[in-house]
Amino acid sequence: MAKWKIPSCYKCNTEYGALEEDLWRRLACCVDPNAAAASGIYPKVLRSMDARHASNPNESHSRIVKRNKLLAEMRHGDEIPQDGIYPGLGERWNRQRVDQIAITIPANSFRRLTEKIVRGVYFIEDKRFIESPYAINFYAVEDEGAAEIKGLLNRFATEFARGPGILINRAVTPEDGVSAIISIEVWGAVKMYATLMSN
């Protein structure tokens, strides 16, 4: 599948590139590596932090820095907070707390990635830039709290795929043809929700 190409200034493109790389690395540690939607993701991320696969000393150093940063931010057992766990990323393997490992993920990373994907869908599908008065609002919602949103998406949404394991559903209101509810699912585990509405 071809990678989406959308216009972006150099500054934003650089920021989003670094944000995505960091977020994918963290999320790969949180999803089931055996899930079909996440197939091959975890080994690829491990390889990206393995200095043995570097092509030169600078890249080797960069991989070591990334690996050490990730390891330093992992939490074990009782170090893991009881709250603030992103929906869908809690313990799913019924391990005792002492055996659990968690990784911190900057909350703003989910919001920024959601905004990028929403903007991308509108540009690719509608040839439209999202500009004022429209604004993208991000929501992290537990499954039980998303029943109404899911119902609307099931009835009215169009599904798009963006890369391996990423599904996007967008239900656009007929009133203005722009306002919408959007869901983004990553690797069968992480769900992000957004609305695009006029202020």
N, C-alpha and C. Protein backbone atom coordinates (compact mmCIF):
# COMPACT_ATOMS: atom_id res chain seq x y z
N MET A 1 0.84 -1.18 0.00
CA MET A 1 0.00 0.00 0.00
C MET A 1 0.88 1.24 0.00
N ALA A 2 0.59 2.18 -0.88
CA ALA A 2 1.39 3.40 -0.97
C ALA A 2 1.18 4.26 0.26
N LYS A 3 2.27 4.88 0.70
CA LYS A 3 2.19 5.77 1.85
C LYS A 3 1.51 7.06 1.43
N TRP A 4 0.65 7.57 2.32
CA TRP A 4 -0.01 8.84 2.03
C TRP A 4 1.01 9.94 1.89
N LYS A 5 0.77 10.86 0.95
CA LYS A 5 1.62 12.03 0.79
C LYS A 5 0.73 13.25 0.84
N ILE A 6 0.97 14.09 1.85
CA ILE A 6 0.20 15.31 2.00
C ILE A 6 1.16 16.47 2.21
N PRO A 7 0.77 17.68 1.80
CA PRO A 7 1.68 18.82 1.94
C PRO A 7 1.90 19.20 3.40
N SER A 8 3.12 19.61 3.69
CA SER A 8 3.46 20.02 5.05
C SER A 8 4.70 20.90 4.98
N CYS A 9 4.78 21.89 5.86
CA CYS A 9 5.98 22.70 5.92
C CYS A 9 7.11 21.86 6.53
N TYR A 10 8.34 22.28 6.32
CA TYR A 10 9.50 21.53 6.79
C TYR A 10 9.45 21.33 8.31
N LYS A 11 9.11 22.39 9.03
CA LYS A 11 9.09 22.33 10.50
C LYS A 11 8.08 21.29 10.98
N CYS A 12 6.86 21.34 10.47
CA CYS A 12 5.82 20.39 10.89
C CYS A 12 6.17 18.97 10.48
N ASN A 13 6.69 18.82 9.27
CA ASN A 13 7.04 17.49 8.79
C ASN A 13 8.11 16.86 9.68
N THR A 14 9.10 17.65 10.07
CA THR A 14 10.16 17.15 10.94
C THR A 14 9.61 16.78 12.31
N GLU A 15 8.77 17.66 12.86
CA GLU A 15 8.19 17.39 14.18
C GLU A 15 7.32 16.14 14.16
N TYR A 16 6.46 16.03 13.15
CA TYR A 16 5.58 14.86 13.06
C TYR A 16 6.37 13.58 12.83
N GLY A 17 7.43 13.66 12.04
CA GLY A 17 8.25 12.48 11.80
C GLY A 17 8.86 11.95 13.08
N ALA A 18 9.42 12.85 13.89
CA ALA A 18 10.02 12.45 15.17
C ALA A 18 8.96 11.93 16.14
N LEU A 19 7.81 12.62 16.16
CA LEU A 19 6.72 12.20 17.06
C LEU A 19 6.22 10.81 16.69
N GLU A 20 5.99 10.57 15.39
CA GLU A 20 5.49 9.27 14.96
C GLU A 20 6.48 8.16 15.27
N GLU A 21 7.74 8.39 14.99
CA GLU A 21 8.75 7.36 15.25
C GLU A 21 8.77 6.99 16.73
N ASP A 22 8.73 8.00 17.58
CA ASP A 22 8.75 7.76 19.03
C ASP A 22 7.48 7.04 19.48
N LEU A 23 6.33 7.50 18.98
CA LEU A 23 5.06 6.89 19.40
C LEU A 23 4.94 5.46 18.92
N TRP A 24 5.30 5.18 17.65
CA TRP A 24 5.22 3.81 17.15
C TRP A 24 6.11 2.88 17.98
N ARG A 25 7.30 3.37 18.35
CA ARG A 25 8.22 2.56 19.15
C ARG A 25 7.58 2.19 20.48
N ARG A 26 6.94 3.15 21.11
CA ARG A 26 6.31 2.91 22.42
C ARG A 26 5.08 2.00 22.28
N LEU A 27 4.25 2.29 21.28
CA LEU A 27 3.03 1.49 21.11
C LEU A 27 3.35 0.04 20.75
N ALA A 28 4.42 -0.16 20.00
CA ALA A 28 4.80 -1.53 19.62
C ALA A 28 5.09 -2.39 20.84
N CYS A 29 5.51 -1.75 21.93
CA CYS A 29 5.79 -2.47 23.17
C CYS A 29 4.51 -2.79 23.95
N CYS A 30 3.38 -2.23 23.51
CA CYS A 30 2.13 -2.35 24.27
C CYS A 30 1.11 -3.27 23.61
N VAL A 31 1.30 -3.59 22.35
CA VAL A 31 0.30 -4.39 21.65
C VAL A 31 0.71 -5.85 21.61
N ASP A 32 -0.26 -6.70 21.33
CA ASP A 32 -0.01 -8.14 21.24
C ASP A 32 0.77 -8.41 19.95
N PRO A 33 2.02 -8.87 20.04
CA PRO A 33 2.80 -9.10 18.83
C PRO A 33 2.25 -10.22 17.95
N ASN A 34 1.33 -11.03 18.53
CA ASN A 34 0.74 -12.12 17.76
C ASN A 34 -0.56 -11.72 17.06
N ALA A 35 -1.05 -10.51 17.35
CA ALA A 35 -2.28 -10.06 16.71
C ALA A 35 -2.03 -9.81 15.22
N ALA A 36 -2.98 -10.20 14.39
CA ALA A 36 -2.81 -10.06 12.94
C ALA A 36 -2.57 -8.61 12.53
N ALA A 37 -3.29 -7.67 13.17
CA ALA A 37 -3.17 -6.26 12.81
C ALA A 37 -1.80 -5.69 13.16
N ALA A 38 -1.09 -6.35 14.10
CA ALA A 38 0.23 -5.87 14.52
C ALA A 38 1.35 -6.74 13.98
N SER A 39 1.04 -7.57 13.02
CA SER A 39 2.01 -8.54 12.49
C SER A 39 3.29 -7.85 12.02
N GLY A 40 4.42 -8.30 12.55
CA GLY A 40 5.72 -7.81 12.14
C GLY A 40 6.15 -6.50 12.77
N ILE A 41 5.24 -5.83 13.50
CA ILE A 41 5.55 -4.51 14.05
C ILE A 41 6.62 -4.60 15.15
N TYR A 42 6.41 -5.49 16.12
CA TYR A 42 7.31 -5.58 17.27
C TYR A 42 8.74 -5.94 16.84
N PRO A 43 8.94 -6.99 16.00
CA PRO A 43 10.31 -7.29 15.56
C PRO A 43 10.96 -6.12 14.82
N LYS A 44 10.17 -5.40 14.03
CA LYS A 44 10.71 -4.25 13.29
C LYS A 44 11.19 -3.17 14.24
N VAL A 45 10.40 -2.91 15.29
CA VAL A 45 10.78 -1.89 16.28
C VAL A 45 12.02 -2.33 17.05
N LEU A 46 12.07 -3.60 17.45
CA LEU A 46 13.27 -4.11 18.14
C LEU A 46 14.51 -3.94 17.28
N ARG A 47 14.37 -4.26 16.01
CA ARG A 47 15.50 -4.14 15.09
C ARG A 47 15.95 -2.69 14.98
N SER A 48 14.99 -1.76 14.99
CA SER A 48 15.34 -0.33 14.85
C SER A 48 16.16 0.19 16.02
N MET A 49 16.16 -0.54 17.13
CA MET A 49 16.94 -0.13 18.31
C MET A 49 18.16 -1.03 18.54
N ASP A 50 18.44 -1.90 17.60
CA ASP A 50 19.55 -2.84 17.72
C ASP A 50 20.76 -2.32 16.96
N ALA A 51 21.82 -1.96 17.69
CA ALA A 51 23.01 -1.38 17.07
C ALA A 51 23.67 -2.32 16.09
N ARG A 52 23.45 -3.61 16.22
CA ARG A 52 24.07 -4.57 15.30
C ARG A 52 23.56 -4.42 13.87
N HIS A 53 22.38 -3.78 13.71
CA HIS A 53 21.81 -3.62 12.38
C HIS A 53 22.07 -2.22 11.80
N ALA A 54 22.91 -1.45 12.48
CA ALA A 54 23.22 -0.10 12.00
C ALA A 54 24.19 -0.16 10.83
N SER A 55 24.12 0.84 9.97
CA SER A 55 24.99 0.86 8.79
C SER A 55 26.25 1.70 9.00
N ASN A 56 26.28 2.47 10.11
CA ASN A 56 27.47 3.28 10.40
C ASN A 56 27.49 3.61 11.89
N PRO A 57 28.61 4.12 12.40
CA PRO A 57 28.73 4.41 13.84
C PRO A 57 27.70 5.40 14.37
N ASN A 58 27.37 6.43 13.59
CA ASN A 58 26.36 7.41 14.05
C ASN A 58 25.00 6.75 14.23
N GLU A 59 24.63 5.92 13.26
CA GLU A 59 23.34 5.23 13.37
C GLU A 59 23.36 4.24 14.53
N SER A 60 24.48 3.59 14.74
CA SER A 60 24.61 2.67 15.87
C SER A 60 24.39 3.41 17.19
N HIS A 61 25.02 4.56 17.32
CA HIS A 61 24.86 5.37 18.53
C HIS A 61 23.40 5.81 18.71
N SER A 62 22.77 6.23 17.60
CA SER A 62 21.37 6.67 17.66
C SER A 62 20.45 5.54 18.12
N ARG A 63 20.68 4.34 17.62
CA ARG A 63 19.86 3.19 18.02
C ARG A 63 20.04 2.89 19.50
N ILE A 64 21.25 2.97 19.99
CA ILE A 64 21.53 2.71 21.41
C ILE A 64 20.83 3.75 22.28
N VAL A 65 20.89 5.02 21.87
CA VAL A 65 20.23 6.09 22.63
C VAL A 65 18.72 5.85 22.70
N LYS A 66 18.11 5.48 21.58
CA LYS A 66 16.67 5.23 21.54
C LYS A 66 16.30 4.07 22.45
N ARG A 67 17.09 2.99 22.39
CA ARG A 67 16.83 1.82 23.23
C ARG A 67 16.95 2.17 24.70
N ASN A 68 18.01 2.87 25.08
CA ASN A 68 18.23 3.22 26.48
C ASN A 68 17.15 4.16 27.01
N LYS A 69 16.70 5.07 26.16
CA LYS A 69 15.62 5.99 26.56
C LYS A 69 14.34 5.21 26.85
N LEU A 70 14.02 4.28 25.97
CA LEU A 70 12.81 3.47 26.15
C LEU A 70 12.92 2.63 27.43
N LEU A 71 14.04 2.00 27.63
CA LEU A 71 14.23 1.16 28.82
C LEU A 71 14.15 1.98 30.10
N ALA A 72 14.69 3.20 30.07
CA ALA A 72 14.68 4.06 31.25
C ALA A 72 13.28 4.51 31.63
N GLU A 73 12.37 4.54 30.63
CA GLU A 73 11.02 5.02 30.89
C GLU A 73 10.03 3.90 31.16
N MET A 74 10.50 2.67 31.20
CA MET A 74 9.62 1.54 31.53
C MET A 74 9.36 1.50 33.03
N ARG A 75 8.18 1.03 33.38
CA ARG A 75 7.79 0.88 34.78
C ARG A 75 7.46 -0.58 35.03
N HIS A 76 7.82 -1.05 36.23
CA HIS A 76 7.62 -2.46 36.57
C HIS A 76 6.76 -2.59 37.82
N GLY A 77 5.85 -3.56 37.80
CA GLY A 77 5.07 -3.91 38.99
C GLY A 77 4.40 -2.73 39.65
N ASP A 78 4.74 -2.48 40.92
CA ASP A 78 4.10 -1.42 41.70
C ASP A 78 4.46 -0.02 41.24
N GLU A 79 5.45 0.12 40.36
CA GLU A 79 5.79 1.43 39.80
C GLU A 79 4.73 1.90 38.80
N ILE A 80 3.93 0.97 38.30
CA ILE A 80 2.91 1.31 37.29
C ILE A 80 1.74 2.01 37.98
N PRO A 81 1.37 3.19 37.53
CA PRO A 81 0.24 3.89 38.16
C PRO A 81 -1.07 3.14 37.95
N GLN A 82 -1.99 3.31 38.88
CA GLN A 82 -3.30 2.66 38.79
C GLN A 82 -4.23 3.39 37.82
N ASP A 83 -3.98 4.69 37.62
CA ASP A 83 -4.84 5.46 36.71
C ASP A 83 -3.98 6.08 35.62
N GLY A 84 -4.62 6.73 34.68
CA GLY A 84 -3.90 7.37 33.60
C GLY A 84 -3.44 6.41 32.52
N ILE A 85 -4.00 5.20 32.50
CA ILE A 85 -3.63 4.21 31.48
C ILE A 85 -4.52 4.45 30.26
N TYR A 86 -3.90 4.56 29.11
CA TYR A 86 -4.65 4.87 27.90
C TYR A 86 -5.62 3.73 27.58
N PRO A 87 -6.87 4.06 27.19
CA PRO A 87 -7.85 3.02 26.85
C PRO A 87 -7.31 2.02 25.83
N GLY A 88 -7.46 0.74 26.16
CA GLY A 88 -7.02 -0.33 25.28
C GLY A 88 -5.60 -0.79 25.53
N LEU A 89 -4.85 -0.06 26.37
CA LEU A 89 -3.45 -0.41 26.61
C LEU A 89 -3.20 -0.93 28.02
N GLY A 90 -4.26 -1.29 28.73
CA GLY A 90 -4.08 -1.87 30.06
C GLY A 90 -3.64 -3.33 29.96
N GLU A 91 -3.49 -3.97 31.09
CA GLU A 91 -3.07 -5.38 31.15
C GLU A 91 -4.11 -6.27 30.46
N ARG A 92 -3.66 -7.06 29.49
CA ARG A 92 -4.58 -7.92 28.75
C ARG A 92 -4.21 -9.39 28.85
N TRP A 93 -3.14 -9.69 29.57
CA TRP A 93 -2.66 -11.08 29.61
C TRP A 93 -2.83 -11.73 30.99
N ASN A 94 -3.58 -11.05 31.87
CA ASN A 94 -3.86 -11.58 33.21
C ASN A 94 -2.60 -11.92 34.00
N ARG A 95 -1.56 -11.13 33.83
CA ARG A 95 -0.34 -11.33 34.60
C ARG A 95 -0.49 -10.72 35.98
N GLN A 96 0.19 -11.28 36.95
CA GLN A 96 0.24 -10.69 38.28
C GLN A 96 0.91 -9.32 38.17
N ARG A 97 0.54 -8.41 39.04
CA ARG A 97 1.08 -7.05 38.96
C ARG A 97 2.61 -7.04 38.99
N VAL A 98 3.20 -7.90 39.78
CA VAL A 98 4.65 -7.95 39.91
C VAL A 98 5.33 -8.30 38.59
N ASP A 99 4.60 -8.96 37.69
CA ASP A 99 5.16 -9.38 36.39
C ASP A 99 4.84 -8.41 35.26
N GLN A 100 4.09 -7.37 35.57
CA GLN A 100 3.69 -6.43 34.52
C GLN A 100 4.78 -5.39 34.25
N ILE A 101 4.85 -4.98 32.99
CA ILE A 101 5.78 -3.92 32.56
C ILE A 101 4.97 -2.92 31.76
N ALA A 102 5.21 -1.64 32.00
CA ALA A 102 4.49 -0.59 31.28
C ALA A 102 5.50 0.42 30.73
N ILE A 103 5.08 1.13 29.71
CA ILE A 103 5.91 2.18 29.12
C ILE A 103 5.13 3.48 29.14
N THR A 104 5.79 4.57 29.47
CA THR A 104 5.12 5.87 29.46
C THR A 104 4.98 6.35 28.01
N ILE A 105 3.86 7.00 27.75
CA ILE A 105 3.60 7.57 26.43
C ILE A 105 3.10 8.99 26.63
N PRO A 106 3.74 9.98 26.05
CA PRO A 106 3.26 11.36 26.21
C PRO A 106 1.83 11.49 25.68
N ALA A 107 0.94 12.01 26.51
CA ALA A 107 -0.47 12.13 26.12
C ALA A 107 -0.63 12.98 24.87
N ASN A 108 0.19 13.99 24.72
CA ASN A 108 0.06 14.88 23.57
C ASN A 108 0.38 14.17 22.25
N SER A 109 1.13 13.07 22.32
CA SER A 109 1.47 12.34 21.10
C SER A 109 0.23 11.77 20.43
N PHE A 110 -0.72 11.25 21.23
CA PHE A 110 -1.96 10.72 20.66
C PHE A 110 -2.75 11.83 19.97
N ARG A 111 -2.83 12.98 20.63
CA ARG A 111 -3.59 14.10 20.05
C ARG A 111 -2.95 14.56 18.74
N ARG A 112 -1.64 14.75 18.74
CA ARG A 112 -0.96 15.22 17.53
C ARG A 112 -1.08 14.23 16.38
N LEU A 113 -0.93 12.94 16.68
CA LEU A 113 -1.06 11.93 15.63
C LEU A 113 -2.48 11.91 15.07
N THR A 114 -3.46 12.02 15.95
CA THR A 114 -4.86 12.05 15.51
C THR A 114 -5.10 13.22 14.58
N GLU A 115 -4.60 14.40 14.96
CA GLU A 115 -4.77 15.58 14.12
C GLU A 115 -4.14 15.37 12.74
N LYS A 116 -2.94 14.77 12.72
CA LYS A 116 -2.26 14.54 11.45
C LYS A 116 -3.07 13.61 10.55
N ILE A 117 -3.57 12.52 11.14
CA ILE A 117 -4.33 11.55 10.34
C ILE A 117 -5.63 12.16 9.84
N VAL A 118 -6.33 12.90 10.69
CA VAL A 118 -7.58 13.55 10.26
C VAL A 118 -7.30 14.51 9.11
N ARG A 119 -6.28 15.33 9.25
CA ARG A 119 -5.94 16.26 8.17
C ARG A 119 -5.60 15.50 6.88
N GLY A 120 -4.90 14.38 7.05
CA GLY A 120 -4.53 13.57 5.89
C GLY A 120 -5.73 13.00 5.17
N VAL A 121 -6.70 12.49 5.92
CA VAL A 121 -7.92 11.94 5.32
C VAL A 121 -8.65 13.00 4.50
N TYR A 122 -8.78 14.19 5.07
CA TYR A 122 -9.50 15.25 4.37
C TYR A 122 -8.75 15.71 3.12
N PHE A 123 -7.43 15.74 3.20
CA PHE A 123 -6.68 16.17 2.02
C PHE A 123 -6.75 15.10 0.92
N ILE A 124 -6.52 13.84 1.30
CA ILE A 124 -6.50 12.75 0.31
C ILE A 124 -7.89 12.53 -0.30
N GLU A 125 -8.91 12.50 0.54
CA GLU A 125 -10.25 12.15 0.05
C GLU A 125 -11.02 13.34 -0.52
N ASP A 126 -10.84 14.52 0.08
CA ASP A 126 -11.67 15.67 -0.30
C ASP A 126 -10.87 16.81 -0.91
N LYS A 127 -9.54 16.66 -0.98
CA LYS A 127 -8.67 17.75 -1.45
C LYS A 127 -8.93 19.03 -0.65
N ARG A 128 -9.08 18.86 0.65
CA ARG A 128 -9.44 19.98 1.52
C ARG A 128 -8.42 20.13 2.65
N PHE A 129 -8.02 21.38 2.90
CA PHE A 129 -7.22 21.69 4.07
C PHE A 129 -8.16 22.03 5.22
N ILE A 130 -7.83 21.57 6.41
CA ILE A 130 -8.64 21.89 7.59
C ILE A 130 -8.15 23.23 8.13
N GLU A 131 -9.00 24.24 8.01
CA GLU A 131 -8.65 25.58 8.45
C GLU A 131 -9.81 26.16 9.25
N SER A 132 -9.55 27.27 9.93
CA SER A 132 -10.58 27.97 10.69
C SER A 132 -11.75 28.27 9.75
N PRO A 133 -12.99 28.11 10.22
CA PRO A 133 -13.42 27.97 11.60
C PRO A 133 -13.47 26.52 12.11
N TYR A 134 -12.98 25.55 11.31
CA TYR A 134 -13.04 24.16 11.74
C TYR A 134 -11.87 23.82 12.66
N ALA A 135 -12.14 22.99 13.65
CA ALA A 135 -11.11 22.58 14.59
C ALA A 135 -11.26 21.09 14.88
N ILE A 136 -10.13 20.44 15.08
CA ILE A 136 -10.10 19.00 15.40
C ILE A 136 -10.01 18.85 16.91
N ASN A 137 -10.93 18.08 17.46
CA ASN A 137 -10.92 17.79 18.90
C ASN A 137 -10.65 16.31 19.11
N PHE A 138 -9.73 16.00 20.01
CA PHE A 138 -9.30 14.63 20.26
C PHE A 138 -9.93 14.10 21.55
N TYR A 139 -10.30 12.80 21.55
CA TYR A 139 -10.89 12.16 22.72
C TYR A 139 -10.28 10.77 22.94
N ALA A 140 -9.91 10.50 24.17
CA ALA A 140 -9.50 9.14 24.57
C ALA A 140 -10.67 8.56 25.35
N VAL A 141 -11.32 7.56 24.80
CA VAL A 141 -12.57 7.04 25.37
C VAL A 141 -12.47 5.54 25.60
N GLU A 142 -12.87 5.10 26.79
CA GLU A 142 -12.95 3.66 27.06
C GLU A 142 -14.05 3.05 26.18
N ASP A 143 -13.92 1.78 25.86
CA ASP A 143 -14.89 1.12 24.99
C ASP A 143 -16.33 1.28 25.46
N GLU A 144 -16.54 1.12 26.78
CA GLU A 144 -17.91 1.21 27.29
C GLU A 144 -18.48 2.62 27.16
N GLY A 145 -17.63 3.62 27.08
CA GLY A 145 -18.10 4.99 26.94
C GLY A 145 -18.24 5.43 25.50
N ALA A 146 -17.87 4.55 24.58
CA ALA A 146 -17.88 4.92 23.16
C ALA A 146 -19.02 4.28 22.38
N ALA A 147 -19.99 3.69 23.08
CA ALA A 147 -21.07 2.97 22.40
C ALA A 147 -21.83 3.85 21.41
N GLU A 148 -22.17 5.07 21.83
CA GLU A 148 -22.94 5.96 20.97
C GLU A 148 -22.12 6.37 19.74
N ILE A 149 -20.83 6.67 19.97
CA ILE A 149 -19.95 7.04 18.86
C ILE A 149 -19.83 5.89 17.88
N LYS A 150 -19.62 4.68 18.41
CA LYS A 150 -19.48 3.50 17.55
C LYS A 150 -20.75 3.26 16.75
N GLY A 151 -21.91 3.48 17.39
CA GLY A 151 -23.18 3.30 16.69
C GLY A 151 -23.29 4.22 15.49
N LEU A 152 -22.92 5.50 15.69
CA LEU A 152 -22.97 6.45 14.58
C LEU A 152 -21.98 6.07 13.48
N LEU A 153 -20.78 5.67 13.88
CA LEU A 153 -19.78 5.29 12.89
C LEU A 153 -20.20 4.04 12.12
N ASN A 154 -20.79 3.07 12.83
CA ASN A 154 -21.24 1.85 12.16
C ASN A 154 -22.31 2.14 11.11
N ARG A 155 -23.15 3.13 11.38
CA ARG A 155 -24.24 3.45 10.46
C ARG A 155 -23.81 4.35 9.31
N PHE A 156 -22.92 5.29 9.59
CA PHE A 156 -22.68 6.34 8.59
C PHE A 156 -21.25 6.47 8.09
N ALA A 157 -20.31 5.76 8.69
CA ALA A 157 -18.91 6.01 8.37
C ALA A 157 -18.43 5.32 7.10
N THR A 158 -17.43 5.92 6.50
CA THR A 158 -16.66 5.32 5.42
C THR A 158 -15.33 4.90 6.03
N GLU A 159 -14.85 3.71 5.64
CA GLU A 159 -13.60 3.20 6.21
C GLU A 159 -12.44 3.45 5.26
N PHE A 160 -11.32 3.85 5.84
CA PHE A 160 -10.09 4.06 5.09
C PHE A 160 -8.98 3.30 5.79
N ALA A 161 -7.97 2.90 5.04
CA ALA A 161 -6.80 2.26 5.63
C ALA A 161 -5.60 3.15 5.40
N ARG A 162 -4.76 3.23 6.41
CA ARG A 162 -3.53 4.02 6.27
C ARG A 162 -2.37 3.17 6.79
N GLY A 163 -1.70 2.51 5.89
CA GLY A 163 -0.57 1.69 6.30
C GLY A 163 -1.02 0.43 6.98
N PRO A 164 -0.06 -0.44 7.28
CA PRO A 164 -0.42 -1.72 7.91
C PRO A 164 -1.02 -1.52 9.30
N GLY A 165 -2.20 -2.11 9.50
CA GLY A 165 -2.80 -2.12 10.84
C GLY A 165 -3.47 -0.85 11.29
N ILE A 166 -3.68 0.12 10.41
CA ILE A 166 -4.33 1.37 10.81
C ILE A 166 -5.63 1.52 10.02
N LEU A 167 -6.74 1.59 10.76
CA LEU A 167 -8.06 1.75 10.15
C LEU A 167 -8.68 3.06 10.61
N ILE A 168 -9.28 3.77 9.69
CA ILE A 168 -9.91 5.05 9.99
C ILE A 168 -11.36 4.97 9.54
N ASN A 169 -12.27 5.39 10.40
CA ASN A 169 -13.69 5.48 10.05
C ASN A 169 -14.11 6.93 10.21
N ARG A 170 -14.77 7.47 9.17
CA ARG A 170 -15.18 8.87 9.19
C ARG A 170 -16.63 8.99 8.78
N ALA A 171 -17.42 9.60 9.66
CA ALA A 171 -18.82 9.87 9.36
C ALA A 171 -19.00 11.37 9.24
N VAL A 172 -19.22 11.83 8.01
CA VAL A 172 -19.35 13.26 7.72
C VAL A 172 -20.81 13.67 7.76
N THR A 173 -21.09 14.79 8.40
CA THR A 173 -22.48 15.26 8.46
C THR A 173 -22.91 15.79 7.10
N PRO A 174 -24.15 15.50 6.70
CA PRO A 174 -24.62 15.99 5.39
C PRO A 174 -24.87 17.50 5.38
N GLU A 175 -25.03 18.11 6.56
CA GLU A 175 -25.36 19.54 6.61
C GLU A 175 -24.30 20.41 5.94
N ASP A 176 -23.03 20.20 6.29
CA ASP A 176 -22.00 21.03 5.67
C ASP A 176 -20.98 20.21 4.88
N GLY A 177 -21.07 18.88 4.96
CA GLY A 177 -20.15 18.02 4.22
C GLY A 177 -18.71 18.05 4.73
N VAL A 178 -18.50 18.66 5.89
CA VAL A 178 -17.16 18.77 6.46
C VAL A 178 -17.11 18.23 7.89
N SER A 179 -18.01 18.71 8.74
CA SER A 179 -18.03 18.27 10.14
C SER A 179 -18.15 16.75 10.20
N ALA A 180 -17.48 16.15 11.17
CA ALA A 180 -17.44 14.68 11.18
C ALA A 180 -17.07 14.14 12.55
N ILE A 181 -17.37 12.85 12.72
CA ILE A 181 -16.85 12.05 13.82
C ILE A 181 -15.87 11.06 13.17
N ILE A 182 -14.70 10.91 13.79
CA ILE A 182 -13.67 10.05 13.21
C ILE A 182 -13.12 9.12 14.28
N SER A 183 -12.91 7.86 13.91
CA SER A 183 -12.21 6.94 14.81
C SER A 183 -10.97 6.42 14.08
N ILE A 184 -9.92 6.21 14.85
CA ILE A 184 -8.66 5.68 14.31
C ILE A 184 -8.26 4.51 15.17
N GLU A 185 -8.07 3.36 14.55
CA GLU A 185 -7.66 2.16 15.29
C GLU A 185 -6.26 1.76 14.82
N VAL A 186 -5.36 1.57 15.79
CA VAL A 186 -3.98 1.23 15.49
C VAL A 186 -3.69 -0.19 15.98
N TRP A 187 -3.31 -1.05 15.06
CA TRP A 187 -2.87 -2.41 15.36
C TRP A 187 -3.86 -3.22 16.18
N GLY A 188 -5.16 -2.93 16.00
CA GLY A 188 -6.20 -3.70 16.66
C GLY A 188 -6.31 -3.46 18.15
N ALA A 189 -5.57 -2.48 18.69
CA ALA A 189 -5.57 -2.28 20.15
C ALA A 189 -5.87 -0.85 20.56
N VAL A 190 -5.27 0.11 19.91
CA VAL A 190 -5.37 1.51 20.33
C VAL A 190 -6.43 2.21 19.51
N LYS A 191 -7.35 2.87 20.21
CA LYS A 191 -8.41 3.62 19.50
C LYS A 191 -8.32 5.10 19.89
N MET A 192 -8.40 5.93 18.86
CA MET A 192 -8.41 7.38 19.06
C MET A 192 -9.66 7.92 18.38
N TYR A 193 -10.31 8.86 19.02
CA TYR A 193 -11.53 9.44 18.48
C TYR A 193 -11.33 10.94 18.32
N ALA A 194 -12.01 11.48 17.29
CA ALA A 194 -11.92 12.92 17.05
C ALA A 194 -13.23 13.42 16.47
N THR A 195 -13.46 14.69 16.67
CA THR A 195 -14.55 15.37 15.96
C THR A 195 -13.91 16.53 15.20
N LEU A 196 -14.50 16.82 14.07
CA LEU A 196 -14.12 18.01 13.32
C LEU A 196 -15.37 18.87 13.26
N MET A 197 -15.30 20.03 13.88
CA MET A 197 -16.48 20.88 13.95
C MET A 197 -16.12 22.33 13.77
N SER A 198 -17.08 23.10 13.33
CA SER A 198 -16.90 24.54 13.20
C SER A 198 -17.00 25.18 14.57
N ASN A 199 -16.08 26.07 14.87
CA ASN A 199 -16.10 26.76 16.19
C ASN A 199 -17.24 27.76 16.27
